[in-house]
């Protein structure tokens, strides 16, 4: 993954460790990727440089968590 504002790419596992995401939680995090498996976003981390909008961007995808079910 190439985090926005960072230099170069980093392994996803290293980014999760640096963000202090508990090991048990890492396997349950959703990972948003492109069709080519380029990581765009993982909750708790910065957005990826590859997903940055440009002047030519015409379409956006909004990703939001679902509301928890009522009990």
N, C-alpha and C. Protein backbone atom coordinates (compact mmCIF):
# COMPACT_ATOMS: atom_id res chain seq x y z
N UNK A 1 0.86 -1.18 0.00
CA UNK A 1 0.00 0.00 0.00
C UNK A 1 0.89 1.23 0.00
N UNK A 2 0.47 2.24 -0.75
CA UNK A 2 1.16 3.53 -0.75
C UNK A 2 0.29 4.55 -0.03
N UNK A 3 0.52 4.76 1.28
CA UNK A 3 -0.31 5.72 2.02
C UNK A 3 -0.14 7.14 1.49
N UNK A 4 -1.24 7.89 1.47
CA UNK A 4 -1.16 9.30 1.06
C UNK A 4 -0.23 10.04 1.99
N UNK A 5 0.61 10.85 1.40
CA UNK A 5 1.54 11.65 2.18
C UNK A 5 2.77 10.88 2.63
N UNK A 6 2.85 9.61 2.30
CA UNK A 6 4.01 8.81 2.68
C UNK A 6 4.98 8.66 1.53
N UNK A 7 6.11 8.07 1.83
CA UNK A 7 7.11 7.83 0.79
C UNK A 7 7.11 6.35 0.45
N UNK A 8 6.93 6.05 -0.81
CA UNK A 8 6.99 4.66 -1.25
C UNK A 8 5.83 3.83 -0.74
N UNK A 9 5.98 2.53 -0.90
CA UNK A 9 4.93 1.61 -0.45
C UNK A 9 5.38 0.88 0.80
N UNK A 10 4.40 0.36 1.52
CA UNK A 10 4.66 -0.39 2.75
C UNK A 10 3.78 -1.63 2.76
N UNK A 11 4.24 -2.66 3.41
CA UNK A 11 3.42 -3.85 3.57
C UNK A 11 2.24 -3.52 4.47
N UNK A 12 1.10 -4.08 4.12
CA UNK A 12 -0.12 -3.83 4.90
C UNK A 12 0.08 -4.26 6.35
N UNK A 13 0.72 -5.39 6.56
CA UNK A 13 0.95 -5.88 7.92
C UNK A 13 1.77 -4.87 8.73
N UNK A 14 2.78 -4.27 8.11
CA UNK A 14 3.60 -3.28 8.81
C UNK A 14 2.80 -2.03 9.17
N UNK A 15 1.93 -1.60 8.26
CA UNK A 15 1.09 -0.44 8.54
C UNK A 15 0.14 -0.71 9.70
N UNK A 16 -0.43 -1.91 9.74
CA UNK A 16 -1.34 -2.27 10.83
C UNK A 16 -0.61 -2.32 12.17
N UNK A 17 0.61 -2.85 12.16
CA UNK A 17 1.42 -2.90 13.38
C UNK A 17 1.74 -1.48 13.84
N UNK A 18 2.17 -0.62 12.93
CA UNK A 18 2.50 0.77 13.28
C UNK A 18 1.29 1.52 13.82
N UNK A 19 0.09 1.18 13.31
CA UNK A 19 -1.13 1.83 13.78
C UNK A 19 -1.65 1.22 15.08
N UNK A 20 -0.91 0.22 15.58
CA UNK A 20 -1.25 -0.46 16.84
C UNK A 20 -2.63 -1.13 16.79
N UNK A 21 -2.96 -1.68 15.62
CA UNK A 21 -4.19 -2.46 15.48
C UNK A 21 -3.92 -3.82 16.10
N UNK A 22 -4.70 -4.25 17.09
CA UNK A 22 -4.45 -5.53 17.75
C UNK A 22 -4.46 -6.69 16.74
N UNK A 23 -3.59 -7.64 16.97
CA UNK A 23 -3.45 -8.78 16.05
C UNK A 23 -4.80 -9.46 15.80
N UNK A 24 -5.60 -9.65 16.85
CA UNK A 24 -6.89 -10.33 16.71
C UNK A 24 -7.84 -9.54 15.82
N UNK A 25 -7.72 -8.22 15.80
CA UNK A 25 -8.62 -7.38 15.01
C UNK A 25 -8.21 -7.29 13.55
N UNK A 26 -6.95 -7.57 13.25
CA UNK A 26 -6.45 -7.40 11.88
C UNK A 26 -7.16 -8.29 10.88
N UNK A 27 -7.49 -9.51 11.28
CA UNK A 27 -8.13 -10.44 10.35
C UNK A 27 -9.59 -10.08 10.08
N UNK A 28 -10.18 -9.26 10.94
CA UNK A 28 -11.59 -8.92 10.77
C UNK A 28 -11.80 -7.59 10.06
N UNK A 29 -10.74 -6.84 9.81
CA UNK A 29 -10.88 -5.54 9.15
C UNK A 29 -11.20 -5.71 7.67
N UNK A 30 -12.15 -4.95 7.17
CA UNK A 30 -12.40 -4.98 5.73
C UNK A 30 -11.29 -4.25 4.99
N UNK A 31 -10.93 -4.75 3.83
CA UNK A 31 -9.89 -4.14 3.01
C UNK A 31 -10.52 -3.78 1.66
N UNK A 32 -10.52 -2.50 1.32
CA UNK A 32 -11.07 -2.04 0.06
C UNK A 32 -9.94 -2.04 -0.96
N UNK A 33 -10.12 -2.80 -2.05
CA UNK A 33 -9.08 -2.90 -3.09
C UNK A 33 -9.67 -2.61 -4.46
N UNK A 34 -8.78 -2.42 -5.42
CA UNK A 34 -9.21 -2.32 -6.81
C UNK A 34 -9.39 -3.73 -7.35
N UNK A 35 -9.87 -3.84 -8.58
CA UNK A 35 -10.03 -5.15 -9.22
C UNK A 35 -8.67 -5.83 -9.39
N UNK A 36 -7.60 -5.04 -9.39
CA UNK A 36 -6.24 -5.58 -9.53
C UNK A 36 -5.57 -5.82 -8.18
N UNK A 37 -6.35 -5.83 -7.10
CA UNK A 37 -5.87 -6.07 -5.74
C UNK A 37 -4.92 -5.00 -5.20
N UNK A 38 -5.07 -3.77 -5.67
CA UNK A 38 -4.33 -2.66 -5.10
C UNK A 38 -5.12 -2.15 -3.90
N UNK A 39 -4.50 -2.10 -2.73
CA UNK A 39 -5.19 -1.67 -1.51
C UNK A 39 -5.46 -0.17 -1.58
N UNK A 40 -6.74 0.20 -1.37
CA UNK A 40 -7.14 1.60 -1.36
C UNK A 40 -7.42 2.13 0.03
N UNK A 41 -7.94 1.25 0.91
CA UNK A 41 -8.32 1.71 2.24
C UNK A 41 -8.49 0.54 3.18
N UNK A 42 -8.06 0.75 4.41
CA UNK A 42 -8.31 -0.17 5.51
C UNK A 42 -8.66 0.70 6.71
N UNK A 43 -9.77 0.42 7.42
CA UNK A 43 -10.12 1.23 8.58
C UNK A 43 -8.95 1.30 9.58
N UNK A 44 -8.69 2.48 10.07
CA UNK A 44 -7.59 2.67 11.02
C UNK A 44 -6.31 3.13 10.35
N UNK A 45 -6.26 3.10 9.02
CA UNK A 45 -5.08 3.53 8.28
C UNK A 45 -5.43 4.72 7.39
N UNK A 46 -4.39 5.36 6.88
CA UNK A 46 -4.62 6.44 5.93
C UNK A 46 -5.12 5.88 4.61
N UNK A 47 -5.74 6.73 3.81
CA UNK A 47 -6.15 6.34 2.47
C UNK A 47 -4.91 6.11 1.62
N UNK A 48 -5.06 5.34 0.56
CA UNK A 48 -3.94 5.07 -0.34
C UNK A 48 -3.81 6.16 -1.39
N UNK A 49 -2.59 6.39 -1.82
CA UNK A 49 -2.32 7.37 -2.86
C UNK A 49 -3.03 7.00 -4.16
N UNK A 50 -3.15 5.72 -4.46
CA UNK A 50 -3.78 5.27 -5.70
C UNK A 50 -5.24 5.69 -5.80
N UNK A 51 -5.90 5.94 -4.69
CA UNK A 51 -7.30 6.32 -4.71
C UNK A 51 -7.54 7.81 -4.68
N UNK A 52 -6.48 8.59 -4.73
CA UNK A 52 -6.63 10.06 -4.66
C UNK A 52 -7.36 10.59 -5.90
N UNK A 53 -8.42 11.39 -5.70
CA UNK A 53 -9.11 11.99 -6.85
C UNK A 53 -8.19 12.97 -7.58
N UNK A 54 -8.38 13.06 -8.88
CA UNK A 54 -7.62 14.01 -9.70
C UNK A 54 -8.60 14.95 -10.39
N UNK A 55 -8.09 15.87 -11.18
CA UNK A 55 -8.95 16.78 -11.93
C UNK A 55 -9.79 16.03 -12.95
N UNK A 56 -9.36 14.85 -13.34
CA UNK A 56 -10.11 14.05 -14.32
C UNK A 56 -11.10 13.09 -13.67
N UNK A 57 -11.14 13.02 -12.36
CA UNK A 57 -12.05 12.11 -11.67
C UNK A 57 -13.49 12.56 -11.87
N UNK A 58 -14.34 11.61 -12.31
CA UNK A 58 -15.74 11.94 -12.55
C UNK A 58 -16.68 11.09 -11.70
N UNK A 59 -16.18 9.97 -11.18
CA UNK A 59 -17.03 9.08 -10.39
C UNK A 59 -16.40 8.83 -9.03
N UNK A 60 -17.26 8.76 -8.01
CA UNK A 60 -16.81 8.53 -6.65
C UNK A 60 -17.57 7.35 -6.06
N UNK A 61 -16.97 6.68 -5.13
CA UNK A 61 -17.62 5.61 -4.39
C UNK A 61 -17.58 6.00 -2.92
N UNK A 62 -18.74 6.07 -2.32
CA UNK A 62 -18.81 6.40 -0.90
C UNK A 62 -18.94 5.10 -0.12
N UNK A 63 -18.09 4.91 0.85
CA UNK A 63 -18.10 3.72 1.70
C UNK A 63 -18.38 4.18 3.12
N UNK A 64 -19.42 3.63 3.71
CA UNK A 64 -19.79 4.01 5.07
C UNK A 64 -20.19 2.77 5.85
N UNK A 65 -19.93 2.76 7.15
CA UNK A 65 -20.34 1.60 7.95
C UNK A 65 -21.87 1.53 8.05
N UNK A 66 -22.36 0.34 8.18
CA UNK A 66 -23.79 0.16 8.40
C UNK A 66 -24.15 0.54 9.83
N UNK A 67 -25.37 0.98 10.02
CA UNK A 67 -25.84 1.24 11.37
C UNK A 67 -25.96 -0.11 12.09
N UNK A 68 -25.60 -0.17 13.36
CA UNK A 68 -25.74 -1.44 14.07
C UNK A 68 -27.21 -1.84 14.16
N UNK A 69 -27.48 -3.13 14.16
CA UNK A 69 -28.88 -3.57 14.26
C UNK A 69 -29.46 -3.19 15.61
N UNK A 70 -30.75 -2.89 15.61
CA UNK A 70 -31.42 -2.54 16.85
C UNK A 70 -31.68 -3.82 17.64
N UNK A 71 -31.54 -3.73 18.95
CA UNK A 71 -31.77 -4.92 19.78
C UNK A 71 -33.04 -4.78 20.58
